[in-house]
Amino acid sequence: MIFKGDTVQFLGGCNEEQLEWAQTVAPTALVVDQTYVAEAVEVKPWATRIKLVGVDGVFNSVHFRVV
């Protein structure tokens, strides 16, 4: 589980179904293995969405791991 303020590592990978399911944007501006800080976390019944500090958009949490 990712919480606000956690440092997360972007794992890469993304498909259209994941974007539609979580109602998030494609993580095209993110770099694989780069770390980011979770600014906000929104838990939905179907997906967890995270906003990253200094990055536009909201992303599906399945593309990250806490470090």
Protein backbone atom coordinates (compact mmCIF):
# COMPACT_ATOMS: atom_id res chain seq x y z
CA MET A 1 0.00 0.00 0.00
CA ILE A 2 1.27 3.44 -0.91
CA PHE A 3 0.68 6.35 1.47
CA LYS A 4 1.05 10.11 1.10
CA GLY A 5 4.72 11.04 1.55
CA ASP A 6 6.06 7.60 0.55
CA THR A 7 9.00 7.40 -1.83
CA VAL A 8 8.02 5.16 -4.74
CA GLN A 9 9.95 3.68 -7.65
CA PHE A 10 8.40 3.64 -11.13
CA LEU A 11 8.38 0.08 -12.48
CA GLY A 12 7.33 0.92 -16.03
CA GLY A 13 4.84 -0.94 -18.16
CA CYS A 14 1.40 0.30 -19.00
CA ASN A 15 -1.44 -0.74 -21.22
CA GLU A 16 -4.63 0.96 -22.32
CA GLU A 17 -6.83 -1.28 -20.17
CA GLN A 18 -4.96 -0.26 -17.01
CA LEU A 19 -5.37 3.41 -17.88
CA GLU A 20 -9.09 3.08 -18.54
CA TRP A 21 -9.69 0.88 -15.50
CA ALA A 22 -8.04 3.30 -13.07
CA GLN A 23 -9.04 6.44 -15.00
CA THR A 24 -5.44 7.67 -15.01
CA VAL A 25 -2.98 9.15 -17.49
CA ALA A 26 -0.21 7.32 -19.33
CA PRO A 27 3.08 7.59 -17.42
CA THR A 28 5.03 8.69 -20.50
CA ALA A 29 6.95 11.42 -18.64
CA LEU A 30 8.17 9.03 -15.94
CA VAL A 31 11.52 7.22 -16.01
CA VAL A 32 11.77 3.51 -15.18
CA ASP A 33 13.59 2.89 -11.85
CA GLN A 34 13.42 6.62 -10.98
CA THR A 35 12.05 7.46 -7.54
CA TYR A 36 9.24 9.91 -6.84
CA VAL A 37 7.32 11.10 -3.78
CA ALA A 38 3.60 10.44 -3.43
CA GLU A 39 1.81 13.77 -2.97
CA ALA A 40 -1.67 12.28 -2.69
CA VAL A 41 -3.19 8.80 -2.70
CA GLU A 42 -6.79 8.04 -3.66
CA VAL A 43 -8.06 4.54 -2.92
CA LYS A 44 -11.00 3.51 -5.08
CA PRO A 45 -12.83 0.15 -5.00
CA TRP A 46 -11.25 -0.79 -8.34
CA ALA A 47 -7.80 0.87 -8.21
CA THR A 48 -5.48 3.09 -6.18
CA ARG A 49 -4.43 6.31 -7.89
CA ILE A 50 -1.44 8.40 -6.89
CA LYS A 51 -0.33 11.97 -7.59
CA LEU A 52 3.42 12.54 -7.56
CA VAL A 53 5.21 15.64 -6.32
CA GLY A 54 6.24 17.81 -9.29
CA VAL A 55 4.61 15.58 -11.93
CA ASP A 56 1.40 16.41 -13.81
CA GLY A 57 -1.30 13.76 -13.79
CA VAL A 58 -2.60 10.95 -11.62
CA PHE A 59 -1.20 7.44 -12.04
CA ASN A 60 -2.26 3.86 -11.34
CA SER A 61 -0.39 2.58 -8.29
CA VAL A 62 0.34 -0.80 -9.95
CA HIS A 63 3.22 0.90 -11.78
CA PHE A 64 5.07 1.71 -8.54
CA ARG A 65 6.63 0.10 -5.49
CA VAL A 66 7.48 1.70 -2.15
CA VAL A 67 11.22 2.07 -1.53
